[in-house]
Every structure is written in C-alpha cells, then in structure tokens.
C-alpha cells in the first residue's frame, strides 16, 4: 500500500534523475569522446588523428535537408582555415552506407567523412537531431555545440571558428 508521502518522493526522485541527465549532456569544456570509424574511400579514421587541431565535428544523415545546406559551407571553411589548423570531420549515421554515398555523389565533401551505421558515436556525443556539430579545441575539449544548420548560422559558426583559431578581423585569411 502506498503512503501519502510516496508521490512527492517519487516526483523528487524523477526530478533529480532528469537534472542529472541534463547535467551529463556533452557540452563546452568536456573532453570529446574518442572514436574510430570506417572512412570514405576505405580505411578508417579516428578523432585521435586530429589531435592538436581544431576540429569541426558534424553528425549528418542523407535524409537531412539542413545537411545539404551545411556541406558547401563546411567545404568552404575547410579550404579557408585548413592552413590555420582547422579540420572538418563529418560522421554519417545512415543505416545503409549506400544512402550516404548517394548523398555524397550529389553534394561532394572536401573533408574527411566517416560512417557510423550503428549510431554508436552520436550516442557518445548525445546527439538529438541532424545535423549536430561540435567544435573541438586542439586540447580535445568541446568548445561549442550547435544543432541544425541554416544559412543564417554561417556567420556565428565562422566567428566561433575564428575565435578558436585566434584569427583577428584584420588578419583573416
């Protein structure tokens, strides 16, 4: 038989659990979880390969409309800031790699692409929607998390990249 105090205790327990779950969400100043995945063109790639670089890590899927908008921009920033140490790494989460390859045939990537058909890596990063991007500092810690992508996001995202690279307005590449 339930006591009159059990409902408030249960509510308090649920509130505590929800608070601790949100506290566990990957965010700024936390270490980026390591991973190794198959990469486009064969072989594999790992986050460790990018140690010492600023990494723009993007999770995407072939069915994601904002992802189609983000790829040309990621090509631009990779070309613009590669000489300053930026590396773009895009992790595809489609269950079938052929879906991702069809997307890439239409929207080519001029940066590293990895495949995670089981979705384990987005789980490590607590990704809730596509695309979700993480800016990871050369020390391996998350600097920024950004969900979705719209043309209006370009300026803000590039400003975050420039700040992390120490690019001053008068010294832009």
C-alpha atoms as a PDB file:
ATOM      1  CA  UNK A   1       0.000   0.000   0.000  1.00  0.00           C
ATOM      2  CA  UNK A   2       1.344   3.453  -0.951  1.00  0.00           C
ATOM      3  CA  UNK A   3       1.779   6.053   1.725  1.00  0.00           C
ATOM      4  CA  UNK A   4       0.734   9.674   1.160  1.00  0.00           C
ATOM      5  CA  UNK A   5       4.431  10.623   1.142  1.00  0.00           C
ATOM      6  CA  UNK A   6       5.354   8.247  -1.737  1.00  0.00           C
ATOM      7  CA  UNK A   7       4.118  10.513  -4.553  1.00  0.00           C
ATOM      8  CA  UNK A   8       6.212  13.557  -3.514  1.00  0.00           C
ATOM      9  CA  UNK A   9       9.223  11.276  -3.004  1.00  0.00           C
ATOM     10  CA  UNK A  10       8.729   9.758  -6.448  1.00  0.00           C
ATOM     11  CA  UNK A  11       8.416  13.216  -8.039  1.00  0.00           C
ATOM     12  CA  UNK A  12      11.554  14.371  -6.243  1.00  0.00           C
ATOM     13  CA  UNK A  13      13.417  11.274  -7.439  1.00  0.00           C
ATOM     14  CA  UNK A  14      12.301  11.805 -11.064  1.00  0.00           C
ATOM     15  CA  UNK A  15      13.274  15.497 -10.922  1.00  0.00           C
ATOM     16  CA  UNK A  16      16.707  14.576  -9.551  1.00  0.00           C
ATOM     17  CA  UNK A  17      17.228  11.972 -12.288  1.00  0.00           C
ATOM     18  CA  UNK A  18      16.208  14.413 -15.038  1.00  0.00           C
ATOM     19  CA  UNK A  19      18.525  17.063 -13.642  1.00  0.00           C
ATOM     20  CA  UNK A  20      21.423  14.622 -13.540  1.00  0.00           C
ATOM     21  CA  UNK A  21      20.723  13.503 -17.133  1.00  0.00           C
ATOM     22  CA  UNK A  22      20.821  17.075 -18.409  1.00  0.00           C
ATOM     23  CA  UNK A  23      23.997  17.648 -16.401  1.00  0.00           C
ATOM     24  CA  UNK A  24      25.536  14.691 -18.245  1.00  0.00           C
ATOM     25  CA  UNK A  25      24.878  16.207 -21.684  1.00  0.00           C
ATOM     26  CA  UNK A  26      28.115  16.760 -23.584  1.00  0.00           C
ATOM     27  CA  UNK A  27      28.941  20.427 -23.668  1.00  0.00           C
ATOM     28  CA  UNK A  28      31.695  23.022 -23.505  1.00  0.00           C
ATOM     29  CA  UNK A  29      34.839  22.220 -21.510  1.00  0.00           C
ATOM     30  CA  UNK A  30      34.156  18.482 -21.553  1.00  0.00           C
ATOM     31  CA  UNK A  31      36.519  16.067 -23.298  1.00  0.00           C
ATOM     32  CA  UNK A  32      35.295  14.902 -26.695  1.00  0.00           C
ATOM     33  CA  UNK A  33      34.705  11.127 -26.594  1.00  0.00           C
ATOM     34  CA  UNK A  34      37.228   9.209 -28.712  1.00  0.00           C
ATOM     35  CA  UNK A  35      36.097   7.075 -31.651  1.00  0.00           C
ATOM     36  CA  UNK A  36      37.396   5.227 -34.694  1.00  0.00           C
ATOM     37  CA  UNK A  37      35.161   4.623 -37.727  1.00  0.00           C
ATOM     38  CA  UNK A  38      35.342   3.439 -41.341  1.00  0.00           C
ATOM     39  CA  UNK A  39      36.042   6.363 -43.642  1.00  0.00           C
ATOM     40  CA  UNK A  40      35.150   7.360 -47.174  1.00  0.00           C
ATOM     41  CA  UNK A  41      37.437   5.720 -49.693  1.00  0.00           C
ATOM     42  CA  UNK A  42      38.311   2.838 -47.372  1.00  0.00           C
ATOM     43  CA  UNK A  43      40.333   2.555 -44.231  1.00  0.00           C
ATOM     44  CA  UNK A  44      39.329   4.197 -41.010  1.00  0.00           C
ATOM     45  CA  UNK A  45      39.640   7.495 -39.232  1.00  0.00           C
ATOM     46  CA  UNK A  46      39.700   8.374 -35.567  1.00  0.00           C
ATOM     47  CA  UNK A  47      39.334  11.554 -33.594  1.00  0.00           C
ATOM     48  CA  UNK A  48      42.835  10.922 -32.232  1.00  0.00           C
ATOM     49  CA  UNK A  49      44.236  11.520 -35.750  1.00  0.00           C
ATOM     50  CA  UNK A  50      43.154  15.151 -35.413  1.00  0.00           C
ATOM     51  CA  UNK A  51      44.877  15.753 -32.064  1.00  0.00           C
ATOM     52  CA  UNK A  52      46.436  19.200 -31.901  1.00  0.00           C
ATOM     53  CA  UNK A  53      43.982  20.626 -34.459  1.00  0.00           C
ATOM     54  CA  UNK A  54      40.732  22.498 -34.129  1.00  0.00           C
ATOM     55  CA  UNK A  55      38.038  20.038 -35.250  1.00  0.00           C
ATOM     56  CA  UNK A  56      34.599  20.852 -36.586  1.00  0.00           C
ATOM     57  CA  UNK A  57      32.826  17.524 -35.987  1.00  0.00           C
ATOM     58  CA  UNK A  58      29.497  17.239 -37.785  1.00  0.00           C
ATOM     59  CA  UNK A  59      26.931  14.428 -37.463  1.00  0.00           C
ATOM     60  CA  UNK A  60      24.736  14.116 -40.551  1.00  0.00           C
ATOM     61  CA  UNK A  61      22.360  11.860 -42.482  1.00  0.00           C
ATOM     62  CA  UNK A  62      21.397  11.587 -46.155  1.00  0.00           C
ATOM     63  CA  UNK A  63      17.730  12.389 -45.457  1.00  0.00           C
ATOM     64  CA  UNK A  64      18.616  15.610 -43.596  1.00  0.00           C
ATOM     65  CA  UNK A  65      17.675  18.740 -45.535  1.00  0.00           C
ATOM     66  CA  UNK A  66      19.812  21.142 -43.430  1.00  0.00           C
ATOM     67  CA  UNK A  67      22.777  18.799 -44.020  1.00  0.00           C
ATOM     68  CA  UNK A  68      22.557  19.598 -47.749  1.00  0.00           C
ATOM     69  CA  UNK A  69      22.959  23.266 -46.844  1.00  0.00           C
ATOM     70  CA  UNK A  70      25.831  22.678 -44.440  1.00  0.00           C
ATOM     71  CA  UNK A  71      28.104  20.653 -46.747  1.00  0.00           C
ATOM     72  CA  UNK A  72      29.026  23.508 -49.135  1.00  0.00           C
ATOM     73  CA  UNK A  73      29.726  25.704 -46.104  1.00  0.00           C
ATOM     74  CA  UNK A  74      31.902  23.017 -44.485  1.00  0.00           C
ATOM     75  CA  UNK A  75      33.823  22.724 -47.779  1.00  0.00           C
ATOM     76  CA  UNK A  76      34.376  26.496 -47.659  1.00  0.00           C
ATOM     77  CA  UNK A  77      35.601  26.620 -44.077  1.00  0.00           C
ATOM     78  CA  UNK A  78      37.860  23.581 -44.576  1.00  0.00           C
ATOM     79  CA  UNK A  79      39.506  25.317 -47.544  1.00  0.00           C
ATOM     80  CA  UNK A  80      39.644  28.715 -45.821  1.00  0.00           C
ATOM     81  CA  UNK A  81      41.039  27.629 -42.441  1.00  0.00           C
ATOM     82  CA  UNK A  82      42.935  24.376 -43.098  1.00  0.00           C
ATOM     83  CA  UNK A  83      46.204  26.316 -43.148  1.00  0.00           C
ATOM     84  CA  UNK A  84      45.455  27.617 -39.667  1.00  0.00           C
ATOM     85  CA  UNK A  85      44.763  24.156 -38.268  1.00  0.00           C
ATOM     86  CA  UNK A  86      41.036  23.526 -38.811  1.00  0.00           C
ATOM     87  CA  UNK A  87      39.931  20.024 -39.737  1.00  0.00           C
ATOM     88  CA  UNK A  88      36.343  19.190 -40.680  1.00  0.00           C
ATOM     89  CA  UNK A  89      35.191  15.665 -39.871  1.00  0.00           C
ATOM     90  CA  UNK A  90      31.650  14.597 -40.798  1.00  0.00           C
ATOM     91  CA  UNK A  91      30.161  11.404 -39.353  1.00  0.00           C
ATOM     92  CA  UNK A  92      27.299   9.863 -41.302  1.00  0.00           C
ATOM     93  CA  UNK A  93      24.661   7.946 -39.341  1.00  0.00           C
ATOM     94  CA  UNK A  94      22.678   6.287 -42.150  1.00  0.00           C
ATOM     95  CA  UNK A  95      22.000   2.573 -41.601  1.00  0.00           C
ATOM     96  CA  UNK A  96      22.996   1.927 -45.237  1.00  0.00           C
ATOM     97  CA  UNK A  97      26.282   3.384 -46.446  1.00  0.00           C
ATOM     98  CA  UNK A  98      24.853   3.426 -49.979  1.00  0.00           C
ATOM     99  CA  UNK A  99      22.401   6.146 -48.853  1.00  0.00           C
ATOM    100  CA  UNK A 100      25.320   8.264 -47.655  1.00  0.00           C
ATOM    101  CA  UNK A 101      27.269   7.619 -50.850  1.00  0.00           C
ATOM    102  CA  UNK A 102      24.267   8.755 -52.932  1.00  0.00           C
ATOM    103  CA  UNK A 103      24.168  11.996 -50.937  1.00  0.00           C
ATOM    104  CA  UNK A 104      27.930  12.492 -51.373  1.00  0.00           C
ATOM    105  CA  UNK A 105      27.629  11.955 -55.144  1.00  0.00           C
ATOM    106  CA  UNK A 106      25.239  14.939 -55.239  1.00  0.00           C
ATOM    107  CA  UNK A 107      26.912  17.041 -52.525  1.00  0.00           C
ATOM    108  CA  UNK A 108      30.637  16.167 -52.522  1.00  0.00           C
ATOM    109  CA  UNK A 109      32.696  16.587 -49.360  1.00  0.00           C
ATOM    110  CA  UNK A 110      36.164  18.109 -49.484  1.00  0.00           C
ATOM    111  CA  UNK A 111      36.853  16.998 -45.928  1.00  0.00           C
ATOM    112  CA  UNK A 112      37.032  13.724 -44.013  1.00  0.00           C
ATOM    113  CA  UNK A 113      33.847  11.646 -43.941  1.00  0.00           C
ATOM    114  CA  UNK A 114      33.334   8.671 -41.615  1.00  0.00           C
ATOM    115  CA  UNK A 115      30.453   6.211 -41.361  1.00  0.00           C
ATOM    116  CA  UNK A 116      28.665   5.010 -38.222  1.00  0.00           C
ATOM    117  CA  UNK A 117      25.686   2.885 -39.370  1.00  0.00           C
ATOM    118  CA  UNK A 118      25.089   1.588 -35.832  1.00  0.00           C
ATOM    119  CA  UNK A 119      24.847   5.111 -34.401  1.00  0.00           C
ATOM    120  CA  UNK A 120      27.210   4.487 -31.516  1.00  0.00           C
ATOM    121  CA  UNK A 121      29.234   7.688 -31.913  1.00  0.00           C
ATOM    122  CA  UNK A 122      26.226  10.051 -31.922  1.00  0.00           C
ATOM    123  CA  UNK A 123      25.183   8.251 -28.741  1.00  0.00           C
ATOM    124  CA  UNK A 124      28.538   9.089 -27.150  1.00  0.00           C
ATOM    125  CA  UNK A 125      28.018  12.725 -28.109  1.00  0.00           C
ATOM    126  CA  UNK A 126      24.339  12.734 -27.066  1.00  0.00           C
ATOM    127  CA  UNK A 127      23.226  13.939 -30.490  1.00  0.00           C
ATOM    128  CA  UNK A 128      19.497  14.634 -30.570  1.00  0.00           C
ATOM    129  CA  UNK A 129      18.998  15.784 -34.171  1.00  0.00           C
ATOM    130  CA  UNK A 130      20.648  16.171 -37.563  1.00  0.00           C
ATOM    131  CA  UNK A 131      22.890  17.889 -38.162  1.00  0.00           C
ATOM    132  CA  UNK A 132      24.603  18.477 -34.838  1.00  0.00           C
ATOM    133  CA  UNK A 133      28.104  19.913 -34.779  1.00  0.00           C
ATOM    134  CA  UNK A 134      30.808  20.138 -32.157  1.00  0.00           C
ATOM    135  CA  UNK A 135      33.775  22.473 -32.253  1.00  0.00           C
ATOM    136  CA  UNK A 136      36.609  20.637 -30.512  1.00  0.00           C
ATOM    137  CA  UNK A 137      39.732  22.502 -29.426  1.00  0.00           C
ATOM    138  CA  UNK A 138      43.277  21.353 -30.035  1.00  0.00           C
ATOM    139  CA  UNK A 139      43.259  20.123 -26.417  1.00  0.00           C
ATOM    140  CA  UNK A 140      40.416  17.688 -27.223  1.00  0.00           C
ATOM    141  CA  UNK A 141      37.759  19.575 -25.258  1.00  0.00           C
ATOM    142  CA  UNK A 142      34.415  20.656 -26.649  1.00  0.00           C
ATOM    143  CA  UNK A 143      34.255  24.407 -27.271  1.00  0.00           C
ATOM    144  CA  UNK A 144      30.782  24.654 -28.786  1.00  0.00           C
ATOM    145  CA  UNK A 145      27.732  22.553 -29.675  1.00  0.00           C
ATOM    146  CA  UNK A 146      25.393  23.599 -32.485  1.00  0.00           C
ATOM    147  CA  UNK A 147      22.175  21.885 -33.555  1.00  0.00           C
ATOM    148  CA  UNK A 148      20.696  22.096 -37.065  1.00  0.00           C
ATOM    149  CA  UNK A 149      22.029  24.372 -39.801  1.00  0.00           C
ATOM    150  CA  UNK A 150      20.551  27.373 -41.583  1.00  0.00           C
ATOM    151  CA  UNK A 151      22.231  29.907 -43.860  1.00  0.00           C
ATOM    152  CA  UNK A 152      21.878  32.444 -41.055  1.00  0.00           C
ATOM    153  CA  UNK A 153      24.128  30.266 -38.834  1.00  0.00           C
ATOM    154  CA  UNK A 154      27.170  30.654 -41.077  1.00  0.00           C
ATOM    155  CA  UNK A 155      28.389  33.945 -39.614  1.00  0.00           C
ATOM    156  CA  UNK A 156      28.056  32.832 -35.973  1.00  0.00           C
ATOM    157  CA  UNK A 157      29.728  29.473 -36.613  1.00  0.00           C
ATOM    158  CA  UNK A 158      32.585  31.027 -38.540  1.00  0.00           C
ATOM    159  CA  UNK A 159      33.087  33.592 -35.770  1.00  0.00           C
ATOM    160  CA  UNK A 160      33.391  30.723 -33.270  1.00  0.00           C
ATOM    161  CA  UNK A 161      35.953  29.010 -35.500  1.00  0.00           C
ATOM    162  CA  UNK A 162      37.929  32.226 -35.950  1.00  0.00           C
ATOM    163  CA  UNK A 163      37.914  32.880 -32.200  1.00  0.00           C
ATOM    164  CA  UNK A 164      39.171  29.358 -31.503  1.00  0.00           C
ATOM    165  CA  UNK A 165      41.911  29.764 -34.118  1.00  0.00           C
ATOM    166  CA  UNK A 166      42.862  33.200 -32.797  1.00  0.00           C
ATOM    167  CA  UNK A 167      42.030  34.873 -36.107  1.00  0.00           C
ATOM    168  CA  UNK A 168      41.687  38.628 -35.683  1.00  0.00           C
ATOM    169  CA  UNK A 169      39.435  40.559 -38.091  1.00  0.00           C
ATOM    170  CA  UNK A 170      42.404  42.339 -39.692  1.00  0.00           C
ATOM    171  CA  UNK A 171      44.286  39.044 -40.126  1.00  0.00           C
ATOM    172  CA  UNK A 172      41.619  36.935 -41.839  1.00  0.00           C
ATOM    173  CA  UNK A 173      42.944  34.505 -44.440  1.00  0.00           C
END
